[in-house]
Amino acid sequence: MKTLALKDISAVSLDDLLGGISFFRELREVDPKQAEFLATYARVMAADPGEVVIHHGDHDPSFYFLLRGQLLVYPDDDHIKGEPLSIITPGHVFGALAMICNVDRTATLVADPSGGEVKLVAIDGTGFGELNDYTRVRRHTKILFYRMVVANTRWKLEVYRMQQPNHVISRDMRKLELYRGTPNSEEELQSLARQAQQMTVLLMRWNNLFYEEGSGDNGASPINTA
């Protein structure tokens, strides 16, 4: 894939690229300096149609925002000629749970061969540091990020639960933690981190179930952490 550091892009182009990412847009409103800091850990990447963007089993600390094009999701590199498990469309974040929970990539992502060039922003998650380390990334920034990840993942899990409401994994989803305490507090951040861990376990269970049953058995689309 072709890579270009954000610092090498003009200010106008940078605004165009990041303007469609709700996380950056909201962060710029509350703390422009934090948005600028995270941008130093970001890079714009472009992939040609049919090019692999992420390999199953890879281990890297980045998470991604898709800007343009479509990504096809496959269980691993050996099945990229078959029917994709799901499709990632522009505006979506992916790879965040794998980064947060420090697990290997759980799927192979390929730029849609029938589409044009795929463009995405990759952010090196090492810039966040440890969860309770606020020397570089402040607590409110981490809370904003974790809220985004948890909200998106909870929605995906709910979609899957509706497809298989009677499955044991759907019942276990009722045990997911919910935070009802003081917003923007240390307690909220710790709760969001625990929720991300719990959701990762559930997503991996759904993936394992789907891979065992096969894509044609129930018509459901699996959810993955990428």
Protein backbone atom coordinates (compact mmCIF):
# COMPACT_ATOMS: atom_id res chain seq x y z
CA MET A 1 0.00 0.00 0.00
CA LYS A 2 1.03 3.57 -0.60
CA THR A 3 1.57 5.64 2.54
CA LEU A 4 1.69 9.40 3.08
CA ALA A 5 2.18 11.06 6.47
CA LEU A 6 -0.50 13.57 7.38
CA LYS A 7 2.12 16.23 8.04
CA ASP A 8 3.01 16.09 4.34
CA ILE A 9 -0.54 16.88 3.23
CA SER A 10 -1.77 20.43 2.77
CA ALA A 11 -4.03 21.88 5.46
CA VAL A 12 -6.97 22.02 3.06
CA SER A 13 -6.56 18.39 2.04
CA LEU A 14 -6.11 17.35 5.65
CA ASP A 15 -9.37 19.04 6.63
CA ASP A 16 -11.11 17.26 3.77
CA LEU A 17 -9.73 13.89 4.86
CA LEU A 18 -10.47 14.20 8.57
CA GLY A 19 -13.71 16.14 8.22
CA GLY A 20 -15.68 12.96 7.65
CA ILE A 21 -14.33 11.25 10.78
CA SER A 22 -16.64 12.03 13.69
CA PHE A 23 -13.97 11.27 16.30
CA PHE A 24 -11.54 13.84 14.91
CA ARG A 25 -14.29 16.33 14.26
CA GLU A 26 -15.52 16.18 17.85
CA LEU A 27 -12.01 16.16 19.30
CA ARG A 28 -11.10 19.28 17.32
CA GLU A 29 -14.09 21.06 18.83
CA VAL A 30 -13.18 20.26 22.45
CA ASP A 31 -9.37 20.14 22.25
CA PRO A 32 -7.68 21.12 18.95
CA LYS A 33 -4.20 20.49 20.36
CA GLN A 34 -5.06 16.89 21.17
CA ALA A 35 -6.36 16.41 17.63
CA GLU A 36 -3.10 17.83 16.28
CA PHE A 37 -1.09 15.52 18.54
CA LEU A 38 -2.91 12.37 17.40
CA ALA A 39 -2.46 13.48 13.79
CA THR A 40 1.29 13.08 14.29
CA TYR A 41 0.66 9.36 14.81
CA ALA A 42 -1.51 9.08 11.70
CA ARG A 43 -0.82 8.23 8.11
CA VAL A 44 -2.98 8.17 5.01
CA MET A 45 -2.87 4.87 3.14
CA ALA A 46 -4.15 3.94 -0.31
CA ALA A 47 -4.76 0.44 -1.64
CA ASP A 48 -5.42 -0.70 -5.18
CA PRO A 49 -8.45 -2.87 -5.97
CA GLY A 50 -7.84 -6.44 -4.78
CA GLU A 51 -4.93 -5.47 -2.52
CA VAL A 52 -4.80 -6.92 1.00
CA VAL A 53 -4.99 -4.18 3.63
CA ILE A 54 -4.85 -6.36 6.77
CA HIS A 55 -3.81 -10.01 7.08
CA HIS A 56 -5.41 -12.36 9.57
CA GLY A 57 -2.91 -13.04 12.37
CA ASP A 58 -1.03 -9.76 11.97
CA HIS A 59 -0.14 -7.95 15.18
CA ASP A 60 0.11 -4.18 15.01
CA PRO A 61 -1.00 -1.33 17.28
CA SER A 62 -2.93 0.68 14.70
CA PHE A 63 -6.61 1.35 14.22
CA TYR A 64 -8.18 2.65 11.03
CA PHE A 65 -10.84 4.91 9.57
CA LEU A 66 -12.05 4.09 6.07
CA LEU A 67 -12.31 7.24 3.95
CA ARG A 68 -13.07 5.97 0.46
CA GLY A 69 -13.97 2.70 -1.23
CA GLN A 70 -14.98 -0.62 0.30
CA LEU A 71 -13.14 -3.34 2.19
CA LEU A 72 -14.18 -6.98 1.97
CA VAL A 73 -13.82 -9.00 5.16
CA TYR A 74 -12.62 -12.63 5.02
CA PRO A 75 -11.80 -15.06 7.84
CA ASP A 76 -8.17 -15.44 6.68
CA ASP A 77 -5.86 -15.22 3.67
CA ASP A 78 -6.86 -18.67 2.43
CA HIS A 79 -10.47 -17.68 1.74
CA ILE A 80 -10.14 -14.36 -0.08
CA LYS A 81 -11.48 -15.85 -3.32
CA GLY A 82 -14.78 -16.82 -1.72
CA GLU A 83 -17.78 -14.88 -0.52
CA PRO A 84 -16.82 -12.09 1.93
CA LEU A 85 -18.12 -12.32 5.47
CA SER A 86 -19.03 -8.64 5.53
CA ILE A 87 -18.20 -5.29 3.97
CA ILE A 88 -16.69 -2.18 5.57
CA THR A 89 -17.91 1.10 4.11
CA PRO A 90 -16.58 4.70 4.38
CA GLY A 91 -16.82 6.39 7.76
CA HIS A 92 -16.33 3.23 9.80
CA VAL A 93 -13.54 2.60 12.28
CA PHE A 94 -11.98 -0.85 12.32
CA GLY A 95 -9.14 -2.56 14.14
CA ALA A 96 -9.74 -0.56 17.32
CA LEU A 97 -10.71 -3.50 19.54
CA ALA A 98 -7.70 -5.52 18.41
CA MET A 99 -5.51 -2.53 19.28
CA ILE A 100 -7.16 -1.87 22.65
CA CYS A 101 -7.11 -5.52 23.72
CA ASN A 102 -3.67 -6.25 22.21
CA VAL A 103 -4.82 -9.26 20.17
CA ASP A 104 -3.86 -10.42 16.69
CA ARG A 105 -5.95 -9.36 13.72
CA THR A 106 -8.93 -11.69 13.50
CA ALA A 107 -9.73 -11.23 9.80
CA THR A 108 -8.22 -10.47 6.41
CA LEU A 109 -9.39 -7.22 4.78
CA VAL A 110 -9.14 -6.73 1.03
CA ALA A 111 -9.83 -3.66 -1.10
CA ASP A 112 -12.94 -4.40 -3.16
CA PRO A 113 -11.64 -5.71 -6.52
CA SER A 114 -14.69 -4.30 -8.30
CA GLY A 115 -14.22 -0.78 -6.91
CA GLY A 116 -11.69 1.97 -7.24
CA GLU A 117 -8.80 2.95 -5.01
CA VAL A 118 -9.37 2.53 -1.28
CA LYS A 119 -8.17 5.31 1.02
CA LEU A 120 -7.94 5.11 4.80
CA VAL A 121 -6.35 6.80 7.79
CA ALA A 122 -4.24 4.58 10.06
CA ILE A 123 -3.44 5.81 13.57
CA ASP A 124 -0.65 4.27 15.62
CA GLY A 125 -2.29 3.46 18.94
CA THR A 126 1.01 3.57 20.84
CA GLY A 127 0.47 7.31 21.06
CA PHE A 128 -2.26 6.64 23.62
CA GLY A 129 0.15 5.04 26.09
CA GLU A 130 -1.17 3.05 29.04
CA LEU A 131 -4.82 3.50 29.94
CA ASN A 132 -4.17 5.69 33.00
CA ASP A 133 -1.18 7.55 31.51
CA TYR A 134 -2.31 11.08 30.64
CA THR A 135 1.07 12.66 29.92
CA ARG A 136 0.42 12.75 26.16
CA VAL A 137 -3.23 11.84 25.58
CA ARG A 138 -5.60 13.33 28.12
CA ARG A 139 -8.33 11.45 29.88
CA HIS A 140 -11.17 13.19 28.05
CA THR A 141 -9.59 12.23 24.72
CA LYS A 142 -9.35 8.60 25.73
CA ILE A 143 -12.94 8.64 26.97
CA LEU A 144 -14.09 10.10 23.66
CA PHE A 145 -12.24 7.38 21.77
CA TYR A 146 -13.46 4.53 23.98
CA ARG A 147 -17.04 5.80 23.82
CA MET A 148 -16.88 5.67 20.04
CA VAL A 149 -15.46 2.15 19.98
CA VAL A 150 -17.85 0.79 22.61
CA ALA A 151 -20.93 2.41 21.05
CA ASN A 152 -20.10 1.13 17.56
CA THR A 153 -19.35 -2.35 18.85
CA ARG A 154 -22.45 -2.53 21.01
CA TRP A 155 -24.55 -1.66 17.97
CA LYS A 156 -22.88 -4.39 15.90
CA LEU A 157 -23.42 -6.93 18.65
CA GLU A 158 -27.07 -5.94 18.90
CA VAL A 159 -27.54 -6.49 15.16
CA TYR A 160 -26.07 -9.95 15.48
CA ARG A 161 -28.18 -10.69 18.57
CA MET A 162 -31.33 -9.83 16.62
CA GLN A 163 -30.28 -12.29 13.93
CA GLN A 164 -29.89 -15.10 16.47
CA PRO A 165 -31.87 -14.00 19.55
CA ASN A 166 -32.03 -17.44 21.16
CA HIS A 167 -28.35 -18.30 20.93
CA VAL A 168 -26.40 -18.63 24.17
CA ILE A 169 -24.07 -15.84 23.08
CA SER A 170 -27.07 -13.54 22.71
CA ARG A 171 -28.09 -14.37 26.26
CA ASP A 172 -24.57 -13.72 27.49
CA MET A 173 -24.71 -10.26 25.94
CA ARG A 174 -27.09 -9.27 28.73
CA LYS A 175 -24.11 -9.49 31.09
CA LEU A 176 -22.26 -6.69 29.30
CA GLU A 177 -21.37 -3.89 31.66
CA LEU A 178 -23.19 -0.56 31.43
CA TYR A 179 -21.84 2.63 32.98
CA ARG A 180 -24.27 4.91 34.80
CA GLY A 181 -21.87 6.91 36.93
CA THR A 182 -20.30 10.35 36.63
CA PRO A 183 -19.44 11.18 33.00
CA ASN A 184 -15.88 12.10 31.96
CA SER A 185 -14.47 10.54 35.12
CA GLU A 186 -11.73 8.01 35.75
CA GLU A 187 -14.47 5.53 36.64
CA GLU A 188 -16.08 5.96 33.22
CA LEU A 189 -12.80 5.34 31.40
CA GLN A 190 -12.11 2.20 33.42
CA SER A 191 -15.63 0.96 32.73
CA LEU A 192 -15.32 1.62 29.00
CA ALA A 193 -12.04 -0.31 28.94
CA ARG A 194 -13.70 -3.28 30.65
CA GLN A 195 -16.61 -3.12 28.22
CA ALA A 196 -14.20 -3.22 25.28
CA GLN A 197 -12.58 -6.35 26.70
CA GLN A 198 -15.95 -8.02 27.27
CA MET A 199 -17.12 -7.16 23.77
CA THR A 200 -13.94 -8.53 22.21
CA VAL A 201 -14.59 -11.90 23.83
CA LEU A 202 -18.18 -11.92 22.54
CA LEU A 203 -17.14 -10.93 19.02
CA MET A 204 -14.54 -13.67 18.86
CA ARG A 205 -17.15 -16.19 20.03
CA TRP A 206 -19.52 -15.05 17.27
CA ASN A 207 -16.69 -15.31 14.73
CA ASN A 208 -15.77 -18.83 15.83
CA LEU A 209 -19.40 -19.89 15.63
CA PHE A 210 -19.85 -18.42 12.17
CA TYR A 211 -16.66 -19.97 10.79
CA GLU A 212 -17.70 -23.38 12.12
CA GLU A 213 -21.21 -23.20 10.67
CA GLY A 214 -20.25 -21.63 7.34
CA SER A 215 -21.59 -18.56 5.60
CA GLY A 216 -24.50 -20.34 3.97
CA ASP A 217 -26.10 -21.92 7.01
CA ASN A 218 -27.92 -19.03 8.61
CA GLY A 219 -27.53 -16.02 6.33
CA ALA A 220 -26.07 -13.92 9.16
CA SER A 221 -23.13 -11.60 8.77
CA PRO A 222 -20.34 -12.13 11.33
CA ILE A 223 -18.82 -9.32 13.30
CA ASN A 224 -15.06 -9.14 13.75
CA THR A 225 -12.45 -7.07 15.51
CA ALA A 226 -10.14 -7.03 12.44
